[in-house]
Protein backbone atom coordinates (compact mmCIF):
# COMPACT_ATOMS: atom_id res chain seq x y z
CA THR A 1 -24.17 -36.10 14.60
CA ARG A 2 -20.50 -35.86 14.71
CA ALA A 3 -18.50 -38.56 12.92
CA LEU A 4 -14.79 -39.70 12.45
CA TYR A 5 -13.48 -40.54 8.93
CA LEU A 6 -10.34 -42.58 8.44
CA ARG A 7 -8.47 -44.53 5.77
CA GLU A 8 -5.05 -45.82 5.18
CA ILE A 9 -2.52 -43.88 3.25
CA GLY A 10 -3.11 -44.95 -0.53
CA SER A 11 -6.89 -45.49 -0.16
CA LYS A 12 -9.34 -43.17 -2.10
CA GLU A 13 -12.54 -43.56 0.18
CA TRP A 14 -13.24 -42.71 3.77
CA VAL A 15 -14.61 -45.11 6.16
CA GLN A 16 -17.09 -43.50 8.77
CA ARG A 17 -17.31 -44.10 12.54
CA PRO A 18 -20.33 -42.11 14.26
CA ILE A 19 -19.21 -40.45 17.43
CA HIS A 20 -21.79 -40.66 20.16
CA GLY A 21 -21.53 -38.65 23.49
CA LEU A 22 -19.52 -35.74 22.29
CA PRO A 23 -20.23 -32.48 24.03
CA PHE A 24 -20.58 -29.33 21.98
CA TYR A 25 -20.73 -26.47 24.39
CA ASN A 26 -17.67 -26.43 26.52
CA ASP A 27 -13.91 -26.91 26.39
CA TYR A 28 -12.45 -30.23 27.81
CA VAL A 29 -8.71 -30.57 28.38
CA ALA A 30 -6.55 -32.57 30.73
CA THR A 31 -3.79 -30.35 31.70
CA PRO A 32 -3.05 -26.64 31.20
CA GLN A 33 -0.19 -27.62 28.81
CA ASP A 34 -2.71 -28.88 26.21
CA VAL A 35 -3.57 -25.63 24.82
CA TRP A 36 -2.30 -22.02 24.28
CA ILE A 37 -4.33 -19.39 26.17
CA ALA A 38 -4.23 -15.53 25.23
CA PRO A 39 -2.45 -13.38 27.78
CA GLY A 40 -4.82 -12.48 30.35
CA GLU A 41 -7.41 -15.22 29.79
CA GLN A 42 -8.17 -17.89 32.09
CA GLY A 43 -7.74 -21.58 30.86
CA PRO A 44 -10.74 -23.80 30.67
CA PRO A 45 -11.24 -26.26 33.84
CA LEU A 46 -9.54 -29.46 33.73
CA ASP A 47 -12.06 -31.99 32.64
CA PRO A 48 -10.85 -34.75 30.28
CA LEU A 49 -13.11 -36.91 28.22
CA TYR A 50 -13.19 -40.49 27.25
CA VAL A 51 -15.53 -40.81 24.27
CA GLN A 52 -15.06 -44.17 22.60
CA VAL A 53 -15.16 -44.48 18.77
CA PRO A 54 -15.51 -48.22 17.89
CA PRO A 55 -15.63 -49.61 14.16
CA VAL A 56 -18.95 -50.24 12.58
CA ASP A 57 -18.10 -50.61 9.07
CA PRO A 58 -16.87 -54.24 7.71
CA ASN A 59 -14.22 -52.27 5.54
CA ASP A 60 -12.94 -50.43 8.58
CA PRO A 61 -9.04 -50.19 8.04
CA LEU A 62 -8.52 -50.57 11.89
CA PRO A 63 -10.72 -53.59 12.63
CA GLY A 64 -11.09 -54.42 16.36
CA VAL A 65 -9.36 -51.16 17.22
CA THR A 66 -11.45 -48.79 19.34
CA LEU A 67 -10.23 -45.02 19.11
CA SER A 68 -11.10 -42.45 21.77
CA ILE A 69 -11.40 -38.71 21.96
CA SER A 70 -9.78 -37.10 25.29
CA ARG A 71 -10.01 -33.58 24.68
CA TYR A 72 -12.65 -31.18 22.88
CA LEU A 73 -12.36 -27.48 22.24
CA ARG A 74 -15.33 -25.45 21.13
CA TYR A 75 -13.54 -22.52 19.26
CA ALA A 76 -9.76 -23.02 18.63
CA TYR A 77 -7.26 -23.35 15.89
CA MET A 78 -3.75 -24.88 15.63
CA ASP A 79 -0.76 -22.45 16.35
CA SER A 80 2.72 -22.96 16.94
CA LYS A 81 5.06 -21.13 19.32
CA LEU A 82 8.57 -20.96 20.47
CA GLU A 83 9.45 -22.40 23.89
CA THR A 84 12.88 -22.33 25.58
CA MET A 85 14.56 -25.68 26.18
CA PRO A 86 17.86 -25.36 27.96
CA ASN A 87 19.09 -28.63 26.28
CA ALA A 88 18.07 -27.46 22.79
CA ALA A 89 20.50 -26.39 20.13
CA VAL A 90 21.73 -22.87 20.11
CA ASN A 91 19.53 -21.16 17.43
CA PRO A 92 18.61 -17.40 18.36
CA THR A 93 15.13 -17.14 16.90
CA ALA A 94 12.52 -14.36 16.90
CA ILE A 95 9.02 -13.68 15.74
CA VAL A 96 8.66 -10.07 14.65
CA HIS A 97 5.50 -8.22 13.68
CA ILE A 98 5.49 -4.92 11.60
CA ARG A 99 2.26 -2.98 11.62
CA ASN A 100 1.38 0.20 9.98
CA GLU A 101 -1.33 2.78 10.86
CA GLN A 102 -3.68 1.27 8.53
CA GLY A 103 -3.68 -1.95 10.56
CA GLN A 104 -1.77 -3.89 7.86
CA SER A 105 0.82 -6.17 9.34
CA GLU A 106 3.47 -8.59 8.32
CA GLU A 107 5.13 -11.34 10.39
CA TYR A 108 8.66 -12.39 10.08
CA GLU A 109 10.66 -15.35 11.52
CA LEU A 110 14.33 -14.37 12.04
CA GLN A 111 17.17 -16.76 13.00
CA ALA A 112 20.41 -15.22 13.64
CA LEU A 113 22.57 -18.30 12.48
CA ASN A 114 20.51 -19.04 9.31
CA PRO A 115 21.91 -17.07 6.43
CA ASP A 116 18.32 -17.49 4.61
CA LYS A 117 16.41 -16.05 7.73
CA ALA A 118 18.88 -13.71 9.21
CA VAL A 119 18.05 -10.85 7.04
CA VAL A 120 14.56 -10.47 5.77
CA ALA A 121 12.06 -7.84 4.41
CA GLN A 122 14.35 -6.94 1.31
CA GLY A 123 17.33 -6.51 3.62
CA ASN A 124 15.44 -4.01 6.03
CA LEU A 125 15.19 -6.40 9.09
CA GLN A 126 17.97 -8.17 10.74
CA MET A 127 18.62 -10.48 13.79
CA LEU A 128 22.08 -10.75 15.52
CA TRP A 129 23.25 -12.82 18.34
CA VAL A 130 25.37 -10.92 20.74
CA LYS A 131 27.67 -12.79 23.11
CA SER A 132 28.99 -10.01 25.13
CA ASP A 133 28.87 -6.34 25.73
CA ASP A 134 32.02 -5.93 23.61
CA ASP A 135 29.63 -7.29 20.74
CA ILE A 136 27.29 -4.57 21.37
CA LYS A 137 30.01 -1.92 21.48
CA ARG A 138 31.08 -2.86 17.86
CA LEU A 139 27.68 -2.82 16.68
CA MET A 140 27.36 0.72 18.08
CA GLU A 141 30.32 2.19 16.06
CA THR A 142 29.50 5.20 14.11
CA PRO A 143 30.78 6.10 10.44
CA ARG A 144 33.97 8.50 10.33
CA LEU A 145 34.73 11.44 8.24
CA HIS A 146 38.19 11.11 7.15
CA VAL A 147 39.73 14.49 6.36
CA GLU A 148 43.12 15.19 4.80
CA ILE A 149 44.11 18.88 4.79
CA VAL A 150 46.91 19.50 1.90
CA PRO A 151 48.30 22.87 2.10
CA ALA A 152 48.94 24.62 -1.33
CA GLY A 153 52.44 23.87 -2.65
CA ALA A 154 52.89 21.08 -0.17
CA ALA A 155 53.72 18.80 -2.85
CA THR A 156 56.62 20.93 -4.36
CA LEU A 157 58.48 21.94 -1.20
CA PRO A 158 62.25 22.49 -1.84
CA GLU A 159 64.64 20.02 -0.52
CA ILE A 160 66.34 20.98 2.69
CA PRO A 161 70.27 20.33 2.61
CA ASP A 162 71.66 18.24 5.42
CA PRO A 163 73.46 19.69 7.29
CA LEU A 164 71.84 23.15 7.31
CA PRO A 165 74.32 26.24 7.19
CA PRO A 166 74.84 27.86 10.62
CA ASP A 167 73.02 30.92 9.85
CA ALA A 168 69.87 29.25 7.92
CA SER A 169 66.50 29.37 9.31
CA GLN A 170 64.59 25.97 9.51
CA PRO A 171 61.06 25.94 8.03
CA ASP A 172 58.26 24.75 10.12
CA PRO A 173 57.32 21.33 8.69
CA ALA A 174 53.99 21.33 10.27
CA ALA A 175 53.05 24.37 8.12
CA SER A 176 53.74 22.38 4.90
CA GLN A 177 52.81 18.72 5.74
CA PRO A 178 49.22 17.43 5.01
CA GLN A 179 47.19 17.06 8.12
CA GLU A 180 44.84 13.85 8.67
CA PHE A 181 41.79 13.44 10.92
CA ASP A 182 39.25 10.70 11.60
CA LEU A 183 36.30 12.46 12.83
CA PRO A 184 33.30 10.38 14.27
CA ILE A 185 29.79 11.23 13.12
CA THR A 186 27.66 11.11 15.88
CA SER A 187 24.67 12.97 14.60
CA THR A 188 23.23 14.60 11.24
CA LEU A 189 21.21 17.78 10.22
CA ALA A 190 18.44 15.38 9.16
CA ARG A 191 18.26 14.04 12.87
CA ASP A 192 18.90 17.36 14.66
CA PRO A 193 17.89 20.57 12.76
CA ASP A 194 19.86 22.78 15.33
CA LEU A 195 23.13 20.71 14.65
CA LYS A 196 25.99 23.01 15.01
CA PHE A 197 29.26 23.17 12.89
CA GLN A 198 32.20 21.17 14.49
CA ALA A 199 35.61 22.60 14.21
CA ILE A 200 38.49 20.48 12.78
CA PRO A 201 41.16 20.62 15.39
CA GLY A 202 44.28 22.86 14.50
CA THR A 203 42.69 24.06 11.16
CA ASP A 204 40.36 26.79 9.99
CA TYR A 205 37.84 24.53 8.73
CA SER A 206 34.51 23.36 10.43
CA PHE A 207 31.89 20.77 9.31
CA ARG A 208 28.60 19.51 9.86
CA VAL A 209 27.00 16.31 8.16
CA GLU A 210 23.66 16.88 6.57
CA ARG A 211 22.78 13.27 6.03
CA ILE A 212 24.08 9.90 5.24
CA GLN A 213 22.80 7.76 2.34
CA PRO A 214 24.05 4.01 2.39
CA ASN A 215 23.74 1.76 -0.42
CA LEU A 216 23.19 4.29 -3.13
CA LYS A 217 23.04 2.72 -6.49
CA LEU A 218 25.05 4.47 -9.15
CA ASP A 219 25.99 3.21 -12.59
CA THR A 220 29.29 2.11 -11.11
CA GLY A 221 27.74 0.01 -8.38
CA THR A 222 26.48 0.58 -4.80
CA VAL A 223 28.17 3.17 -2.79
CA THR A 224 27.80 5.08 0.56
CA VAL A 225 27.58 8.97 0.37
CA ALA A 226 27.60 11.53 3.18
CA ILE A 227 26.52 15.07 2.30
CA VAL A 228 28.64 17.32 4.26
CA GLU A 229 28.89 21.16 4.81
CA PHE A 230 32.35 22.70 5.16
CA LYS A 231 33.31 26.19 6.23
CA SER A 232 36.58 28.04 6.28
CA PRO A 233 37.20 31.78 6.36
CA THR A 234 37.30 32.01 2.44
CA ARG A 235 34.74 29.32 1.46
CA HIS A 236 31.41 27.57 2.41
CA PHE A 237 30.47 24.90 0.16
CA ARG A 238 28.69 21.40 0.42
CA ARG A 239 30.37 18.20 -0.64
CA TRP A 240 29.32 14.71 -1.45
CA VAL A 241 31.73 12.52 0.35
CA PHE A 242 32.07 8.82 -0.96
CA GLU A 243 34.41 6.13 0.25
CA ARG A 244 36.73 7.15 -2.76
CA PRO A 245 38.16 10.59 -2.33
CA GLU A 246 38.64 11.06 -5.94
CA ILE A 247 34.98 11.03 -6.89
CA ALA A 248 33.90 13.65 -4.38
CA LYS A 249 31.73 16.70 -5.76
CA ASP A 250 31.30 20.01 -4.25
CA PHE A 251 28.35 22.30 -4.68
CA ALA A 252 27.58 25.78 -3.81
CA VAL A 253 25.43 26.18 -0.55
CA ASP A 254 21.95 26.84 -1.42
CA GLU A 255 19.05 26.36 0.97
CA LYS A 256 16.50 25.66 -1.81
CA THR A 257 18.48 23.18 -3.65
CA SER A 258 20.27 21.18 -0.78
CA GLY A 259 23.31 20.48 -2.99
CA HIS A 260 21.51 19.52 -6.16
CA ASP A 261 22.95 22.34 -8.29
CA GLU A 262 25.69 22.10 -10.88
CA PRO A 263 29.04 21.24 -9.14
CA ILE A 264 31.56 23.88 -8.56
CA GLU A 265 35.42 23.58 -8.63
CA LEU A 266 36.55 20.98 -6.17
CA ASP A 267 38.47 22.47 -3.16
CA THR A 268 41.81 20.37 -3.68
CA GLU A 269 43.21 21.43 -0.49
CA LEU A 270 40.46 19.51 1.18
CA GLN A 271 40.48 15.52 0.55
CA THR A 272 37.70 13.72 2.27
CA ALA A 273 36.27 9.98 2.39
CA ILE A 274 33.63 8.38 4.38
CA LEU A 275 34.66 5.60 6.37
CA PRO A 276 31.77 3.12 7.29
CA PRO A 277 31.81 1.29 10.53
CA SER A 278 33.39 -2.05 10.71
CA ILE A 279 30.15 -3.92 11.25
CA GLN A 280 27.10 -2.79 9.20
CA THR A 281 23.62 -3.84 10.00
CA ALA A 282 20.28 -3.54 8.31
CA PRO A 283 18.17 -0.57 9.12
CA LEU A 284 16.38 -2.33 11.78
CA ALA A 285 18.51 -5.04 13.74
CA VAL A 286 17.06 -7.08 16.58
CA LEU A 287 19.79 -8.03 18.99
CA MET A 288 19.47 -11.05 21.37
CA GLY A 289 21.88 -11.75 24.26
CA PRO A 290 24.05 -12.24 26.13
CA GLY A 291 21.26 -13.47 28.44
CA GLU A 292 18.08 -15.43 27.18
CA ASN A 293 15.85 -12.53 28.06
CA ASP A 294 17.95 -9.61 26.90
CA LEU A 295 16.44 -8.08 23.66
CA ALA A 296 17.28 -5.00 22.04
CA LEU A 297 16.66 -2.88 18.89
CA VAL A 298 19.29 -1.21 16.78
CA MET A 299 17.68 1.47 14.40
CA ASN A 300 20.34 2.14 11.81
CA LEU A 301 18.37 4.16 9.28
CA ASP A 302 21.17 6.42 8.34
CA MET A 303 24.45 4.49 9.54
CA ILE A 304 24.25 6.16 12.79
CA PRO A 305 23.00 3.33 15.00
CA VAL A 306 20.42 4.13 18.17
CA LEU A 307 20.02 1.36 20.68
CA HIS A 308 16.67 0.70 22.28
CA ALA A 309 16.01 -1.78 25.00
CA ILE A 310 12.70 -3.71 24.14
CA GLN A 311 10.33 -6.27 25.89
CA ARG A 312 8.54 -9.11 24.26
CA GLY A 313 4.95 -8.24 23.20
CA GLU A 314 5.53 -4.41 23.60
CA PRO A 315 5.28 -2.37 20.39
CA VAL A 316 8.04 -0.30 19.49
CA PRO A 317 7.38 3.06 17.49
CA LEU A 318 9.57 3.37 14.10
CA GLY A 319 7.91 6.73 12.84
CA ASN A 320 5.35 7.55 10.35
CA GLY A 321 2.66 5.17 12.27
CA VAL A 322 4.74 2.22 11.81
CA THR A 323 5.33 -0.06 14.90
CA MET A 324 7.49 -3.19 15.50
CA ARG A 325 6.71 -6.01 18.09
CA VAL A 326 8.83 -9.03 19.10
CA ASP A 327 6.19 -11.58 20.05
CA GLU A 328 8.59 -14.44 20.55
CA ALA A 329 12.35 -14.89 21.22
CA SER A 330 14.69 -17.59 22.29
CA ILE A 331 18.30 -18.62 22.21
CA HIS A 332 17.36 -22.38 22.63
CA PRO A 333 14.00 -22.53 21.05
CA VAL A 334 11.88 -25.35 20.27
CA ARG A 335 8.97 -25.23 18.27
CA ILE A 336 5.56 -26.53 19.85
CA GLN A 337 2.35 -26.92 17.92
CA LYS A 338 -0.87 -27.06 19.77
CA PRO A 339 -4.49 -25.43 19.76
CA PHE A 340 -4.97 -21.85 20.54
CA ILE A 341 -8.25 -21.19 22.34
CA VAL A 342 -9.76 -18.00 20.83
CA PRO A 343 -11.07 -15.59 23.76
CA ARG A 344 -14.76 -15.41 23.88
CA SER A 345 -14.90 -11.69 23.11
CA GLN A 346 -13.23 -12.45 19.72
CA GLN A 347 -15.43 -15.50 18.66
CA ASN A 348 -17.85 -15.07 15.85
CA LYS A 349 -21.21 -16.82 16.74
CA ASN A 350 -22.10 -17.56 13.22
CA VAL A 351 -19.17 -19.79 12.89
CA ALA A 352 -21.12 -22.40 14.93
CA ALA A 353 -18.97 -25.63 15.00
CA GLY A 354 -16.67 -24.55 12.35
CA MET A 355 -13.86 -23.86 14.71
CA SER A 356 -14.09 -26.88 16.96
CA MET A 357 -11.48 -29.57 17.42
CA ILE A 358 -10.92 -32.85 19.07
CA GLN A 359 -7.83 -34.85 20.21
CA LEU A 360 -8.11 -38.45 18.93
CA ASP A 361 -6.25 -41.16 20.51
CA ALA A 362 -5.17 -44.47 19.10
CA PRO A 363 -3.95 -47.34 21.05
CA THR A 364 -0.24 -48.65 20.44
CA PRO A 365 1.64 -51.57 21.79
CA SER A 366 3.51 -49.12 24.12
CA GLY A 367 0.88 -46.59 24.93
CA SER A 368 -1.31 -44.38 22.50
CA ALA A 369 -0.71 -42.05 19.59
CA SER A 370 -2.52 -38.81 19.50
CA ILE A 371 -3.49 -36.19 16.96
CA TRP A 372 -5.56 -32.99 16.97
CA LEU A 373 -8.21 -32.71 14.25
CA ARG A 374 -10.26 -29.66 13.20
CA TYR A 375 -13.88 -29.90 12.27
CA HIS A 376 -14.81 -30.18 8.60
CA GLU A 377 -18.39 -29.22 7.61
CA PHE A 378 -17.95 -31.64 4.78
CA ALA A 379 -15.87 -34.60 4.42
CA PHE A 380 -14.51 -34.10 1.04
CA GLU A 381 -12.83 -37.45 -0.59
CA ASN A 382 -9.82 -35.30 -2.07
CA GLU A 383 -8.57 -31.85 -2.64
CA GLY A 384 -10.20 -31.92 -6.26
CA GLU A 385 -13.71 -31.89 -4.63
CA VAL A 386 -13.07 -29.12 -2.17
CA LEU A 387 -15.53 -26.26 -2.44
CA ARG A 388 -14.29 -22.54 -1.88
CA ARG A 389 -14.51 -21.39 1.87
CA PHE A 390 -14.50 -25.05 3.13
CA PRO A 391 -11.36 -26.60 4.66
CA TYR A 392 -9.75 -29.79 3.68
CA GLN A 393 -7.13 -30.63 6.39
CA PRO A 394 -6.92 -34.43 7.20
CA GLY A 395 -4.68 -35.28 9.96
CA LEU A 396 -1.92 -37.90 9.31
CA LEU A 397 -1.04 -40.37 12.18
CA GLN A 398 1.46 -43.16 12.27
CA ILE A 399 0.38 -46.09 14.37
CA PRO A 400 2.62 -48.73 15.38
CA MET A 401 1.27 -52.15 15.06
CA ALA A 402 1.64 -55.43 17.12
CA ASP A 403 3.86 -57.03 14.72
CA GLY A 404 6.48 -54.15 14.92
CA SER A 405 5.43 -52.33 11.61
CA VAL A 406 4.06 -48.75 11.47
CA LYS A 407 1.09 -47.88 9.17
CA ALA A 408 0.01 -44.40 8.38
CA TYR A 409 -3.52 -43.23 8.42
CA GLU A 410 -5.39 -40.24 7.61
CA PHE A 411 -8.31 -39.00 9.92
CA MET A 412 -10.94 -36.21 9.53
CA PHE A 413 -13.36 -34.96 12.03
CA SER A 414 -16.73 -34.10 10.41
CA ARG A 415 -20.36 -34.84 10.33
CA GLU A 416 -22.22 -38.17 9.76
CA ARG A 417 -23.06 -39.03 6.41
CA MET A 418 -26.48 -40.33 5.50
CA PRO A 419 -27.68 -41.84 2.23
CA LEU A 420 -30.10 -39.94 0.07
CA PRO A 421 -33.35 -41.79 -1.22
CA ALA A 422 -32.03 -41.19 -5.00
CA PRO A 423 -29.34 -39.33 -6.70
CA VAL A 424 -29.95 -35.66 -7.15
CA ALA A 425 -28.25 -33.31 -9.74
CA LEU A 426 -28.32 -29.52 -10.08
CA ASP A 427 -29.46 -28.47 -13.43
CA ASP A 428 -29.42 -24.71 -12.97
CA PHE A 429 -29.02 -21.87 -10.62
CA ILE A 430 -31.51 -18.88 -10.89
CA LEU A 431 -30.90 -15.44 -9.53
CA ASP A 432 -33.68 -12.99 -8.58
CA SER A 433 -32.23 -9.69 -8.36
CA HIS A 434 -33.21 -6.13 -7.41
CA VAL A 435 -33.82 -3.36 -9.71
CA GLY A 436 -30.63 -2.91 -11.89
CA GLY A 437 -29.68 -6.51 -12.28
CA TYR A 438 -26.85 -8.72 -10.52
CA SER A 439 -23.90 -6.54 -9.94
CA GLY A 440 -21.62 -9.29 -8.42
CA THR A 441 -22.55 -8.66 -4.91
CA GLU A 442 -24.75 -10.20 -2.36
CA GLY A 443 -26.73 -7.02 -1.67
CA SER A 444 -28.02 -7.01 -5.33
CA ILE A 445 -29.72 -10.43 -4.89
CA ARG A 446 -33.32 -10.67 -3.71
CA ASP A 447 -33.59 -14.65 -4.17
CA TRP A 448 -31.85 -17.57 -5.46
CA THR A 449 -33.50 -20.82 -6.72
CA SER A 450 -31.91 -24.23 -7.44
CA VAL A 451 -33.37 -26.23 -10.38
CA ILE A 452 -32.63 -29.98 -9.46
CA THR A 453 -33.82 -33.38 -10.77
CA PHE A 454 -33.97 -36.78 -8.99
CA ASN A 455 -33.19 -40.01 -10.50
CA LYS A 456 -35.73 -42.67 -9.64
CA ASP A 457 -35.08 -46.17 -10.75
CA GLY A 458 -32.54 -45.17 -13.35
CA THR A 459 -34.64 -42.27 -14.85
CA TRP A 460 -34.41 -38.63 -14.22
CA ASP A 461 -37.59 -37.02 -13.52
CA GLU A 462 -38.78 -33.53 -14.47
CA PRO A 463 -36.73 -30.52 -13.06
CA ARG A 464 -38.01 -28.96 -9.76
CA LYS A 465 -37.44 -25.58 -8.33
CA VAL A 466 -36.01 -25.25 -4.66
CA SER A 467 -35.81 -21.59 -3.30
CA VAL A 468 -35.90 -19.97 0.09
CA ASN A 469 -39.15 -20.83 1.90
CA LYS A 470 -40.22 -23.03 -1.21
CA PRO A 471 -39.02 -26.54 -0.52
CA CYS A 472 -39.68 -29.55 -2.74
CA GLU A 473 -40.63 -33.07 -1.55
CA PHE A 474 -39.25 -36.32 -2.97
CA ASP A 475 -39.68 -39.71 -1.62
CA GLY A 476 -40.56 -38.64 1.90
CA TYR A 477 -37.52 -36.06 2.19
CA TRP A 478 -37.90 -32.38 1.94
CA PHE A 479 -35.00 -30.59 0.18
CA TYR A 480 -34.81 -26.57 0.93
CA GLN A 481 -32.24 -23.86 -0.01
CA ALA A 482 -29.52 -23.89 2.91
CA GLN A 483 -26.46 -22.20 1.22
CA TRP A 484 -25.14 -21.18 -2.13
CA ASP A 485 -21.78 -19.90 -3.66
CA PRO A 486 -21.65 -16.05 -3.53
CA PRO A 487 -18.91 -13.88 -5.07
CA ASP A 488 -15.64 -13.76 -3.15
CA GLU A 489 -12.73 -11.84 -3.37
CA ALA A 490 -9.03 -13.06 -3.36
CA ARG A 491 -8.45 -14.19 0.34
CA PHE A 492 -4.55 -14.24 0.17
CA SER A 493 -1.52 -13.33 -1.90
CA GLY A 494 -1.57 -15.20 -5.01
CA ASP A 495 -5.33 -16.18 -4.73
CA THR A 496 -7.79 -15.28 -7.42
CA SER A 497 -11.35 -13.85 -6.98
CA SER A 498 -14.58 -15.92 -7.56
CA ALA A 499 -17.63 -14.82 -9.45
CA GLY A 500 -19.60 -17.31 -7.36
CA LEU A 501 -22.42 -19.43 -8.62
CA ASN A 502 -20.33 -22.76 -8.67
CA TYR A 503 -22.47 -25.05 -6.27
CA THR A 504 -25.58 -24.81 -4.12
CA VAL A 505 -26.10 -26.51 -0.76
CA LEU A 506 -29.68 -28.00 0.08
CA GLY A 507 -30.91 -28.84 3.39
CA VAL A 508 -32.58 -32.39 3.63
CA GLY A 509 -35.04 -33.11 6.34
CA ASN A 510 -38.37 -35.26 6.98
CA ARG A 511 -41.66 -34.55 8.17
CA ASN A 512 -41.95 -37.53 10.62
CA GLY A 513 -44.19 -36.61 13.56
CA VAL A 514 -45.76 -33.64 11.59
CA HIS A 515 -49.35 -34.67 12.79
CA VAL A 516 -48.44 -34.49 16.29
CA GLN A 517 -46.86 -30.99 15.49
CA LEU A 518 -49.90 -29.63 13.86
CA ALA A 519 -52.05 -30.98 16.92
CA GLY A 520 -49.74 -29.06 19.29
CA ALA A 521 -50.03 -26.01 16.97
CA CYS A 522 -53.89 -26.29 16.95
CA ILE A 523 -54.14 -26.53 20.77
CA ALA A 524 -51.64 -23.59 21.02
CA VAL A 525 -54.07 -21.50 18.67
CA LEU A 526 -57.09 -22.55 20.58
CA GLY A 527 -55.55 -21.54 23.84
CA MET A 528 -54.66 -18.06 22.46
CA ILE A 529 -58.00 -17.44 21.16
CA TYR A 530 -59.39 -18.56 24.65
CA SER A 531 -56.93 -16.36 26.43
CA PHE A 532 -57.42 -13.27 24.27
CA TYR A 533 -61.04 -13.47 23.24
CA VAL A 534 -63.15 -15.88 25.32
CA LYS A 535 -61.71 -15.29 28.61
CA PRO A 536 -62.04 -11.38 28.47
CA MET A 537 -65.60 -11.77 27.38
CA ILE A 538 -66.44 -14.05 30.51
CA ARG A 539 -64.80 -11.77 32.91
CA ARG A 540 -66.75 -8.68 31.48
CA ARG A 541 -70.10 -10.45 31.81
CA ARG A 542 -69.27 -11.21 35.45
CA GLN A 543 -68.35 -7.57 36.14
CA LEU A 544 -71.59 -6.44 34.62
CA ALA A 545 -73.55 -8.75 36.72
CA VAL A 546 -72.00 -7.64 40.01
CA GLN A 547 -72.67 -3.99 39.08
CA HIS A 548 -76.27 -4.71 38.22
CA ASN A 549 -76.74 -6.28 41.60
CA LEU A 550 -75.12 -3.59 43.41
CA THR A 551 -77.50 -1.08 41.69
CA ALA A 552 -80.49 -3.27 42.78
CA LEU A 553 -79.45 -3.36 46.24
CA LYS A 554 -78.86 0.46 46.40
CA ALA A 555 -82.44 1.19 45.21
CA SER A 556 -84.00 -1.17 47.58
CA ALA A 557 -82.41 0.50 50.46
CA ALA A 558 -83.32 3.87 49.38
CA GLN A 559 -86.98 2.98 49.21
CA ARG A 560 -87.05 1.82 52.79
CA ARG A 561 -88.35 4.17 55.54
CA GLY A 562 -86.56 4.20 58.68
CA THR A 563 -84.10 5.90 60.91
CA PRO A 564 -80.73 7.50 59.45
CA SER A 565 -78.85 4.91 61.49
CA GLU A 566 -80.98 2.08 59.79
CA ILE A 567 -80.55 3.51 56.37
CA LEU A 568 -76.62 3.80 56.95
CA LEU A 569 -76.38 0.13 58.17
CA SER A 570 -78.58 -1.11 55.16
CA GLU A 571 -76.09 0.85 52.95
CA ARG A 572 -73.00 -0.71 54.64
CA GLU A 573 -74.38 -4.15 54.48
CA THR A 574 -75.10 -3.67 50.67
């Protein structure tokens, strides 16, 4: 029998109210907005409840107040989702899942305007709110390679007199002045193995970028480096280009070492620097806007951004079996919490009532206050009594009173408590293992036995053993082994594993009506004996009697002397 437990905040003991008339096997809701439904699933039929739960205990904290249950879910859990409310504050928010090929996943909540949630996952995932297409263009800017070619002797050119003599020839200033270029980097050899060299206009140099490494940690700090191959008619070398030109390093081109040999003499005629884009994003940046439904992903793994339009709920491959999925996104979000009905194909039948929920309604002067409560197999008094694997999630509800005050109460949905005939204590827990002994796993256990004692009139009696299929009787009640505490691995980050054997769970029942059950069993056994043994014997004897009569009639007809037609007629009659 289900029961409701309640107490005022500050009280240490629950007060029980039995629940009568609560269904167990179907979902009961009033509107489609009461619950979350999985995509593609059909919601439950609209059929609200009205199960009254009046007070029965004189110590009830709400005397004279009848509570009611208006909704019941057989298999659900509380979940929160983002919904768009046009009048809500601007707070671009997205729920993102990252999943690898092993099935491991992480969920992140990103908020573009919240510095603490705008960049997550060690700086690898970011969310940005774009208000216009111009914002997207700025985000798609690529890094540039700044090249300055300084001809030999350009720094020591002779001064030219002014005015020049009539017969003097004027030198070409373009041949002696440095040339500067800002060259956009649109691809790398790491992305395109067939990347060709790009000529630097007006010079003998050409280049191609092998790769760009942002946020490279050096002894002097974090820098950005581009590994660039340069070619000229006289040289072919690889250069590490930094944001500061003076720390560049040149290496001989060697396909086997990819630039990790000892540096060679720096080509001083070629001065270079890497110019990062004005706006730098994380390797993965989720863009939202300008419209409410506009979503995009910028993959910026090597500072060269690539834009992908994405849809809610659709996975986006990131490479190496890793995918990203945006489940929820909104510019004007409101977080709403309500039960999520688990699809039948995903329900575990062994859970029984463990995932059921009710909505409890409490009357108030202006209407009613409601709260969803999940089912608890045991109504623990406090967190210190909670056993591993069992929940402890009481609901808190503030109820306005008729005098204008507001009081807070705790509620719990569980089973009805019934008093035992006497106190019972667990003295020991005995494991009977298979060959090899107990290995810490359930598979090594053959049987388990609880050694318990009862207190009768203040005196503890002799220990008794209770094991599977071997209950013990005390004062008209039978105690049998129902559950125990097996070993359990860590269930979440920061949790510790358990060796088990911390508690035992006994079932308690009586044997009222056992004589009627025995009489019914005896009748059933007698019926089976008659059906399988007596009745076949009777049928066999009847068959033998009929065969005997047929044989006698045939013999009598054969002894008669008459015409063939008379003999044939006699046989037909027989």
